[in-house]
PDB file of N, CA and C in Angstrom:
ATOM      1  N   MET A   1     -29.338  33.874   9.528  1.00  0.00           N
ATOM      2  CA  MET A   1     -28.556  33.845   8.354  1.00  0.00           C
ATOM      3  C   MET A   1     -29.311  33.704   7.092  1.00  0.00           C
ATOM      4  N   SER A   2     -28.930  34.158   5.863  1.00  0.00           N
ATOM      5  CA  SER A   2     -29.843  34.069   4.875  1.00  0.00           C
ATOM      6  C   SER A   2     -29.903  32.611   4.240  1.00  0.00           C
ATOM      7  N   ARG A   3     -30.907  32.395   3.471  1.00  0.00           N
ATOM      8  CA  ARG A   3     -31.200  30.941   3.097  1.00  0.00           C
ATOM      9  C   ARG A   3     -29.974  30.604   2.118  1.00  0.00           C
ATOM     10  N   LYS A   4     -29.450  31.547   1.309  1.00  0.00           N
ATOM     11  CA  LYS A   4     -28.476  31.290   0.301  1.00  0.00           C
ATOM     12  C   LYS A   4     -27.100  30.767   1.118  1.00  0.00           C
ATOM     13  N   LEU A   5     -26.876  31.500   2.224  1.00  0.00           N
ATOM     14  CA  LEU A   5     -25.720  31.251   2.961  1.00  0.00           C
ATOM     15  C   LEU A   5     -25.879  29.735   3.616  1.00  0.00           C
ATOM     16  N   ILE A   6     -27.098  29.559   4.186  1.00  0.00           N
ATOM     17  CA  ILE A   6     -27.277  28.146   4.830  1.00  0.00           C
ATOM     18  C   ILE A   6     -26.987  27.204   3.688  1.00  0.00           C
ATOM     19  N   ALA A   7     -27.738  27.463   2.594  1.00  0.00           N
ATOM     20  CA  ALA A   7     -27.590  26.439   1.430  1.00  0.00           C
ATOM     21  C   ALA A   7     -26.135  26.212   1.075  1.00  0.00           C
ATOM     22  N   MET A   8     -25.397  27.322   0.935  1.00  0.00           N
ATOM     23  CA  MET A   8     -23.997  27.101   0.500  1.00  0.00           C
ATOM     24  C   MET A   8     -23.188  26.396   1.718  1.00  0.00           C
ATOM     25  N   LEU A   9     -23.404  26.568   2.978  1.00  0.00           N
ATOM     26  CA  LEU A   9     -22.877  25.987   4.105  1.00  0.00           C
ATOM     27  C   LEU A   9     -23.012  24.444   4.104  1.00  0.00           C
ATOM     28  N   LEU A  10     -24.402  24.080   3.867  1.00  0.00           N
ATOM     29  CA  LEU A  10     -24.778  22.841   3.789  1.00  0.00           C
ATOM     30  C   LEU A  10     -24.308  22.026   2.591  1.00  0.00           C
ATOM     31  N   THR A  11     -24.055  22.682   1.472  1.00  0.00           N
ATOM     32  CA  THR A  11     -23.587  22.030   0.252  1.00  0.00           C
ATOM     33  C   THR A  11     -21.976  21.750   0.538  1.00  0.00           C
ATOM     34  N   THR A  12     -21.360  22.857   1.091  1.00  0.00           N
ATOM     35  CA  THR A  12     -19.844  22.643   1.359  1.00  0.00           C
ATOM     36  C   THR A  12     -19.661  21.397   2.491  1.00  0.00           C
ATOM     37  N   ALA A  13     -20.473  21.307   3.369  1.00  0.00           N
ATOM     38  CA  ALA A  13     -20.318  20.300   4.328  1.00  0.00           C
ATOM     39  C   ALA A  13     -20.617  18.994   3.739  1.00  0.00           C
ATOM     40  N   ALA A  14     -21.619  18.942   2.961  1.00  0.00           N
ATOM     41  CA  ALA A  14     -21.852  17.630   2.242  1.00  0.00           C
ATOM     42  C   ALA A  14     -20.831  17.220   1.290  1.00  0.00           C
ATOM     43  N   LEU A  15     -20.267  18.058   0.570  1.00  0.00           N
ATOM     44  CA  LEU A  15     -19.011  17.750  -0.340  1.00  0.00           C
ATOM     45  C   LEU A  15     -17.913  17.456   0.481  1.00  0.00           C
ATOM     46  N   SER A  16     -17.643  18.131   1.689  1.00  0.00           N
ATOM     47  CA  SER A  16     -16.343  17.571   2.386  1.00  0.00           C
ATOM     48  C   SER A  16     -16.548  16.178   2.917  1.00  0.00           C
ATOM     49  N   LEU A  17     -17.886  15.855   3.222  1.00  0.00           N
ATOM     50  CA  LEU A  17     -18.139  14.433   3.903  1.00  0.00           C
ATOM     51  C   LEU A  17     -18.052  13.349   2.840  1.00  0.00           C
ATOM     52  N   SER A  18     -18.315  13.772   1.626  1.00  0.00           N
ATOM     53  CA  SER A  18     -18.477  12.763   0.504  1.00  0.00           C
ATOM     54  C   SER A  18     -17.183  12.712  -0.234  1.00  0.00           C
ATOM     55  N   ALA A  19     -15.980  13.476   0.124  1.00  0.00           N
ATOM     56  CA  ALA A  19     -14.726  13.406  -0.395  1.00  0.00           C
ATOM     57  C   ALA A  19     -14.060  12.259   0.207  1.00  0.00           C
ATOM     58  N   PRO A  20     -13.378  11.423  -0.642  1.00  0.00           N
ATOM     59  CA  PRO A  20     -12.699  10.203  -0.094  1.00  0.00           C
ATOM     60  C   PRO A  20     -11.570  10.679   0.762  1.00  0.00           C
ATOM     61  N   LEU A  21     -11.477   9.975   2.014  1.00  0.00           N
ATOM     62  CA  LEU A  21     -10.378  10.142   2.890  1.00  0.00           C
ATOM     63  C   LEU A  21      -9.161   9.736   2.408  1.00  0.00           C
ATOM     64  N   MET A  22      -8.041  10.378   2.483  1.00  0.00           N
ATOM     65  CA  MET A  22      -6.792   9.834   2.131  1.00  0.00           C
ATOM     66  C   MET A  22      -6.235   8.828   3.189  1.00  0.00           C
ATOM     67  N   ALA A  23      -5.890   7.676   2.785  1.00  0.00           N
ATOM     68  CA  ALA A  23      -5.366   6.606   3.703  1.00  0.00           C
ATOM     69  C   ALA A  23      -4.176   7.070   4.092  1.00  0.00           C
ATOM     70  N   GLU A  24      -3.932   6.791   5.345  1.00  0.00           N
ATOM     71  CA  GLU A  24      -2.434   6.909   5.955  1.00  0.00           C
ATOM     72  C   GLU A  24      -1.552   5.827   5.251  1.00  0.00           C
ATOM     73  N   PRO A  25      -0.434   6.323   4.686  1.00  0.00           N
ATOM     74  CA  PRO A  25       0.354   5.254   4.142  1.00  0.00           C
ATOM     75  C   PRO A  25       0.719   4.169   5.207  1.00  0.00           C
ATOM     76  N   GLN A  26       0.628   3.050   4.754  1.00  0.00           N
ATOM     77  CA  GLN A  26       0.874   1.907   5.796  1.00  0.00           C
ATOM     78  C   GLN A  26       2.156   1.228   5.374  1.00  0.00           C
ATOM     79  N   SER A  27       2.934   0.883   6.616  1.00  0.00           N
ATOM     80  CA  SER A  27       4.067   0.097   6.226  1.00  0.00           C
ATOM     81  C   SER A  27       3.830  -1.427   6.391  1.00  0.00           C
ATOM     82  N   VAL A  28       4.260  -2.197   5.668  1.00  0.00           N
ATOM     83  CA  VAL A  28       4.103  -3.667   5.739  1.00  0.00           C
ATOM     84  C   VAL A  28       5.515  -4.322   5.991  1.00  0.00           C
ATOM     85  N   ASN A  29       5.451  -5.365   6.838  1.00  0.00           N
ATOM     86  CA  ASN A  29       6.659  -5.974   7.131  1.00  0.00           C
ATOM     87  C   ASN A  29       6.838  -7.156   6.312  1.00  0.00           C
ATOM     88  N   ILE A  30       7.803  -7.074   5.176  1.00  0.00           N
ATOM     89  CA  ILE A  30       7.745  -8.122   4.382  1.00  0.00           C
ATOM     90  C   ILE A  30       8.168  -9.459   4.799  1.00  0.00           C
ATOM     91  N   ASN A  31       8.742  -9.463   5.935  1.00  0.00           N
ATOM     92  CA  ASN A  31       9.173 -10.752   6.607  1.00  0.00           C
ATOM     93  C   ASN A  31       8.053 -11.493   7.311  1.00  0.00           C
ATOM     94  N   THR A  32       7.051 -10.861   7.590  1.00  0.00           N
ATOM     95  CA  THR A  32       5.946 -11.569   8.279  1.00  0.00           C
ATOM     96  C   THR A  32       4.664 -11.371   7.736  1.00  0.00           C
ATOM     97  N   ALA A  33       4.501 -10.460   6.743  1.00  0.00           N
ATOM     98  CA  ALA A  33       3.173 -10.252   6.184  1.00  0.00           C
ATOM     99  C   ALA A  33       2.528 -11.360   5.454  1.00  0.00           C
ATOM    100  N   THR A  34       1.163 -11.579   5.635  1.00  0.00           N
ATOM    101  CA  THR A  34       0.489 -12.466   4.835  1.00  0.00           C
ATOM    102  C   THR A  34       0.281 -11.905   3.520  1.00  0.00           C
ATOM    103  N   ALA A  35      -0.293 -12.909   2.492  1.00  0.00           N
ATOM    104  CA  ALA A  35      -0.443 -12.545   1.072  1.00  0.00           C
ATOM    105  C   ALA A  35      -1.365 -11.354   1.033  1.00  0.00           C
ATOM    106  N   ALA A  36      -2.452 -11.217   1.956  1.00  0.00           N
ATOM    107  CA  ALA A  36      -3.492 -10.132   2.016  1.00  0.00           C
ATOM    108  C   ALA A  36      -2.822  -8.958   2.361  1.00  0.00           C
ATOM    109  N   GLU A  37      -2.016  -8.997   3.432  1.00  0.00           N
ATOM    110  CA  GLU A  37      -1.171  -7.691   3.756  1.00  0.00           C
ATOM    111  C   GLU A  37      -0.347  -7.151   2.615  1.00  0.00           C
ATOM    112  N   LEU A  38       0.301  -8.072   1.936  1.00  0.00           N
ATOM    113  CA  LEU A  38       1.192  -7.780   0.973  1.00  0.00           C
ATOM    114  C   LEU A  38       0.461  -7.168  -0.280  1.00  0.00           C
ATOM    115  N   THR A  39      -0.707  -7.624  -0.654  1.00  0.00           N
ATOM    116  CA  THR A  39      -1.520  -6.945  -1.666  1.00  0.00           C
ATOM    117  C   THR A  39      -1.870  -5.631  -1.502  1.00  0.00           C
ATOM    118  N   ALA A  40      -1.872  -5.108  -0.255  1.00  0.00           N
ATOM    119  CA  ALA A  40      -2.018  -3.747   0.040  1.00  0.00           C
ATOM    120  C   ALA A  40      -0.956  -2.921  -0.310  1.00  0.00           C
ATOM    121  N   LEU A  41       0.250  -3.321  -0.745  1.00  0.00           N
ATOM    122  CA  LEU A  41       1.301  -2.655  -1.334  1.00  0.00           C
ATOM    123  C   LEU A  41       0.980  -2.214  -2.814  1.00  0.00           C
ATOM    124  N   PRO A  42       1.430  -1.096  -3.186  1.00  0.00           N
ATOM    125  CA  PRO A  42       1.353  -0.671  -4.575  1.00  0.00           C
ATOM    126  C   PRO A  42       2.029  -1.573  -5.712  1.00  0.00           C
ATOM    127  N   GLY A  43       1.333  -2.063  -6.612  1.00  0.00           N
ATOM    128  CA  GLY A  43       1.887  -2.972  -7.604  1.00  0.00           C
ATOM    129  C   GLY A  43       1.978  -4.305  -7.219  1.00  0.00           C
ATOM    130  N   ILE A  44       1.607  -4.895  -6.070  1.00  0.00           N
ATOM    131  CA  ILE A  44       1.600  -6.192  -5.648  1.00  0.00           C
ATOM    132  C   ILE A  44       0.051  -6.609  -5.609  1.00  0.00           C
ATOM    133  N   GLY A  45      -0.017  -7.679  -6.429  1.00  0.00           N
ATOM    134  CA  GLY A  45      -1.291  -8.459  -6.569  1.00  0.00           C
ATOM    135  C   GLY A  45      -1.156  -9.780  -5.813  1.00  0.00           C
ATOM    136  N   GLU A  46      -2.119 -10.559  -6.005  1.00  0.00           N
ATOM    137  CA  GLU A  46      -2.145 -11.963  -5.415  1.00  0.00           C
ATOM    138  C   GLU A  46      -0.940 -12.716  -5.795  1.00  0.00           C
ATOM    139  N   LYS A  47      -0.715 -12.834  -7.055  1.00  0.00           N
ATOM    140  CA  LYS A  47       0.500 -13.729  -7.602  1.00  0.00           C
ATOM    141  C   LYS A  47       1.826 -13.353  -6.999  1.00  0.00           C
ATOM    142  N   LYS A  48       2.073 -11.947  -7.044  1.00  0.00           N
ATOM    143  CA  LYS A  48       3.409 -11.434  -6.587  1.00  0.00           C
ATOM    144  C   LYS A  48       3.475 -11.610  -5.052  1.00  0.00           C
ATOM    145  N   ALA A  49       2.226 -11.474  -4.379  1.00  0.00           N
ATOM    146  CA  ALA A  49       2.406 -11.634  -2.873  1.00  0.00           C
ATOM    147  C   ALA A  49       2.638 -13.178  -2.648  1.00  0.00           C
ATOM    148  N   ASP A  50       2.058 -14.053  -3.338  1.00  0.00           N
ATOM    149  CA  ASP A  50       2.328 -15.290  -3.199  1.00  0.00           C
ATOM    150  C   ASP A  50       3.874 -15.769  -3.599  1.00  0.00           C
ATOM    151  N   ALA A  51       4.431 -14.942  -4.467  1.00  0.00           N
ATOM    152  CA  ALA A  51       5.624 -15.275  -4.875  1.00  0.00           C
ATOM    153  C   ALA A  51       6.745 -14.733  -4.049  1.00  0.00           C
ATOM    154  N   ILE A  52       6.352 -13.634  -3.114  1.00  0.00           N
ATOM    155  CA  ILE A  52       7.120 -12.994  -2.195  1.00  0.00           C
ATOM    156  C   ILE A  52       7.217 -13.977  -1.067  1.00  0.00           C
ATOM    157  N   ILE A  53       6.164 -14.574  -0.646  1.00  0.00           N
ATOM    158  CA  ILE A  53       6.067 -15.511   0.582  1.00  0.00           C
ATOM    159  C   ILE A  53       6.845 -16.813   0.216  1.00  0.00           C
ATOM    160  N   ALA A  54       6.723 -17.275  -1.071  1.00  0.00           N
ATOM    161  CA  ALA A  54       7.538 -18.396  -1.448  1.00  0.00           C
ATOM    162  C   ALA A  54       9.025 -18.326  -1.434  1.00  0.00           C
ATOM    163  N   ASP A  55       9.336 -17.022  -1.869  1.00  0.00           N
ATOM    164  CA  ASP A  55      10.668 -16.670  -1.912  1.00  0.00           C
ATOM    165  C   ASP A  55      11.353 -16.537  -0.567  1.00  0.00           C
ATOM    166  N   ARG A  56      10.571 -15.892   0.309  1.00  0.00           N
ATOM    167  CA  ARG A  56      10.996 -15.669   1.778  1.00  0.00           C
ATOM    168  C   ARG A  56      11.147 -17.065   2.575  1.00  0.00           C
ATOM    169  N   GLU A  57      10.250 -18.045   2.119  1.00  0.00           N
ATOM    170  CA  GLU A  57      10.182 -19.408   2.845  1.00  0.00           C
ATOM    171  C   GLU A  57      11.468 -20.118   2.209  1.00  0.00           C
ATOM    172  N   ALA A  58      11.638 -20.042   1.027  1.00  0.00           N
ATOM    173  CA  ALA A  58      12.911 -20.766   0.398  1.00  0.00           C
ATOM    174  C   ALA A  58      14.157 -20.181   0.722  1.00  0.00           C
ATOM    175  N   HIS A  59      14.320 -18.829   0.804  1.00  0.00           N
ATOM    176  CA  HIS A  59      15.669 -18.225   0.860  1.00  0.00           C
ATOM    177  C   HIS A  59      15.825 -17.499   2.381  1.00  0.00           C
ATOM    178  N   GLY A  60      14.947 -17.525   3.025  1.00  0.00           N
ATOM    179  CA  GLY A  60      14.970 -16.673   4.382  1.00  0.00           C
ATOM    180  C   GLY A  60      14.642 -15.314   4.431  1.00  0.00           C
ATOM    181  N   ALA A  61      14.604 -14.566   5.425  1.00  0.00           N
ATOM    182  CA  ALA A  61      14.218 -13.202   5.639  1.00  0.00           C
ATOM    183  C   ALA A  61      14.876 -12.344   4.655  1.00  0.00           C
ATOM    184  N   TYR A  62      13.980 -11.314   4.372  1.00  0.00           N
ATOM    185  CA  TYR A  62      14.571 -10.201   3.600  1.00  0.00           C
ATOM    186  C   TYR A  62      15.616  -9.253   4.490  1.00  0.00           C
ATOM    187  N   GLU A  63      16.735  -8.917   3.989  1.00  0.00           N
ATOM    188  CA  GLU A  63      17.508  -8.034   4.918  1.00  0.00           C
ATOM    189  C   GLU A  63      17.316  -6.620   4.425  1.00  0.00           C
ATOM    190  N   SER A  64      16.837  -6.355   3.155  1.00  0.00           N
ATOM    191  CA  SER A  64      16.577  -4.850   2.836  1.00  0.00           C
ATOM    192  C   SER A  64      15.415  -4.938   1.773  1.00  0.00           C
ATOM    193  N   ALA A  65      14.795  -3.897   1.436  1.00  0.00           N
ATOM    194  CA  ALA A  65      13.880  -3.757   0.220  1.00  0.00           C
ATOM    195  C   ALA A  65      14.402  -4.240  -0.995  1.00  0.00           C
ATOM    196  N   ASP A  66      15.836  -4.062  -1.001  1.00  0.00           N
ATOM    197  CA  ASP A  66      16.293  -4.438  -2.384  1.00  0.00           C
ATOM    198  C   ASP A  66      16.317  -6.015  -2.655  1.00  0.00           C
ATOM    199  N   ASP A  67      16.087  -6.784  -1.604  1.00  0.00           N
ATOM    200  CA  ASP A  67      16.008  -8.126  -1.721  1.00  0.00           C
ATOM    201  C   ASP A  67      14.742  -8.557  -2.281  1.00  0.00           C
ATOM    202  N   LEU A  68      14.011  -7.743  -2.381  1.00  0.00           N
ATOM    203  CA  LEU A  68      12.585  -8.183  -3.172  1.00  0.00           C
ATOM    204  C   LEU A  68      12.799  -8.419  -4.630  1.00  0.00           C
ATOM    205  N   SER A  69      13.883  -7.660  -5.103  1.00  0.00           N
ATOM    206  CA  SER A  69      14.286  -8.010  -6.615  1.00  0.00           C
ATOM    207  C   SER A  69      14.547  -9.460  -6.822  1.00  0.00           C
ATOM    208  N   ARG A  70      14.810 -10.197  -5.971  1.00  0.00           N
ATOM    209  CA  ARG A  70      15.115 -11.685  -6.226  1.00  0.00           C
ATOM    210  C   ARG A  70      13.836 -12.348  -6.558  1.00  0.00           C
ATOM    211  N   VAL A  71      12.548 -11.757  -6.349  1.00  0.00           N
ATOM    212  CA  VAL A  71      11.338 -12.499  -6.680  1.00  0.00           C
ATOM    213  C   VAL A  71      11.129 -12.199  -8.303  1.00  0.00           C
ATOM    214  N   SER A  72      10.708 -13.151  -8.917  1.00  0.00           N
ATOM    215  CA  SER A  72      10.418 -12.969 -10.409  1.00  0.00           C
ATOM    216  C   SER A  72       9.313 -12.007 -10.562  1.00  0.00           C
ATOM    217  N   GLY A  73       9.422 -11.101 -11.400  1.00  0.00           N
ATOM    218  CA  GLY A  73       8.369 -10.090 -11.598  1.00  0.00           C
ATOM    219  C   GLY A  73       8.629  -8.852 -11.020  1.00  0.00           C
ATOM    220  N   ILE A  74       9.668  -8.795  -9.858  1.00  0.00           N
ATOM    221  CA  ILE A  74       9.762  -7.469  -9.133  1.00  0.00           C
ATOM    222  C   ILE A  74      11.032  -6.986  -9.610  1.00  0.00           C
ATOM    223  N   GLY A  75      11.139  -5.894 -10.361  1.00  0.00           N
ATOM    224  CA  GLY A  75      12.248  -5.347 -10.702  1.00  0.00           C
ATOM    225  C   GLY A  75      12.778  -4.133  -9.857  1.00  0.00           C
ATOM    226  N   SER A  76      13.915  -3.399 -10.211  1.00  0.00           N
ATOM    227  CA  SER A  76      14.205  -2.331  -9.639  1.00  0.00           C
ATOM    228  C   SER A  76      13.308  -1.134  -9.359  1.00  0.00           C
ATOM    229  N   ALA A  77      12.331  -0.858 -10.453  1.00  0.00           N
ATOM    230  CA  ALA A  77      11.370   0.178 -10.425  1.00  0.00           C
ATOM    231  C   ALA A  77      10.348  -0.184  -9.567  1.00  0.00           C
ATOM    232  N   THR A  78      10.054  -1.494  -9.347  1.00  0.00           N
ATOM    233  CA  THR A  78       8.937  -1.806  -8.316  1.00  0.00           C
ATOM    234  C   THR A  78       9.504  -1.740  -6.882  1.00  0.00           C
ATOM    235  N   VAL A  79      10.659  -2.172  -6.794  1.00  0.00           N
ATOM    236  CA  VAL A  79      11.486  -2.005  -5.503  1.00  0.00           C
ATOM    237  C   VAL A  79      11.427  -0.589  -5.061  1.00  0.00           C
ATOM    238  N   GLU A  80      11.733   0.361  -5.874  1.00  0.00           N
ATOM    239  CA  GLU A  80      11.902   1.791  -5.522  1.00  0.00           C
ATOM    240  C   GLU A  80      10.382   2.313  -5.201  1.00  0.00           C
ATOM    241  N   GLN A  81       9.482   1.757  -5.988  1.00  0.00           N
ATOM    242  CA  GLN A  81       8.052   2.097  -5.562  1.00  0.00           C
ATOM    243  C   GLN A  81       7.596   1.582  -4.235  1.00  0.00           C
ATOM    244  N   LEU A  82       8.182   0.579  -3.722  1.00  0.00           N
ATOM    245  CA  LEU A  82       7.783  -0.213  -2.532  1.00  0.00           C
ATOM    246  C   LEU A  82       8.612   0.351  -1.309  1.00  0.00           C
ATOM    247  N   ARG A  83       9.757   0.914  -1.606  1.00  0.00           N
ATOM    248  CA  ARG A  83      10.720   1.282  -0.661  1.00  0.00           C
ATOM    249  C   ARG A  83      10.122   1.975   0.595  1.00  0.00           C
ATOM    250  N   ASP A  84       9.339   2.947   0.435  1.00  0.00           N
ATOM    251  CA  ASP A  84       8.788   3.585   1.617  1.00  0.00           C
ATOM    252  C   ASP A  84       7.592   2.863   2.332  1.00  0.00           C
ATOM    253  N   SER A  85       7.089   1.774   1.658  1.00  0.00           N
ATOM    254  CA  SER A  85       5.991   1.126   2.213  1.00  0.00           C
ATOM    255  C   SER A  85       6.248  -0.170   2.987  1.00  0.00           C
ATOM    256  N   VAL A  86       7.571  -0.609   2.840  1.00  0.00           N
ATOM    257  CA  VAL A  86       8.058  -1.905   3.561  1.00  0.00           C
ATOM    258  C   VAL A  86       8.841  -1.578   4.582  1.00  0.00           C
ATOM    259  N   GLU A  87       8.736  -2.519   5.586  1.00  0.00           N
ATOM    260  CA  GLU A  87       9.757  -2.599   6.658  1.00  0.00           C
ATOM    261  C   GLU A  87      10.159  -4.011   6.956  1.00  0.00           C
ATOM    262  N   LEU A  88      11.252  -4.181   7.786  1.00  0.00           N
ATOM    263  CA  LEU A  88      11.829  -5.500   7.950  1.00  0.00           C
ATOM    264  C   LEU A  88      11.605  -5.936   9.351  1.00  0.00           C
TER     265      LEU A  88
END
């Protein structure tokens, strides 16, 4: 092989190895998740994770993703954003 071809192949290989891997979407059980697990969800930081757990402890298990709207700071837009990432 020519040096140019080898250089091109090595460059392509290096770029593909350095590209970030796409994380598999993970599903989080909102009835059993820890605060750390909840913060893996889009739009959920430490304060909202703590609020989800506090609400869950005070009012019982969530029956659907829509129940997250009972947590202060989580509105319908956030629920829609989370719908495919949560399980019960």
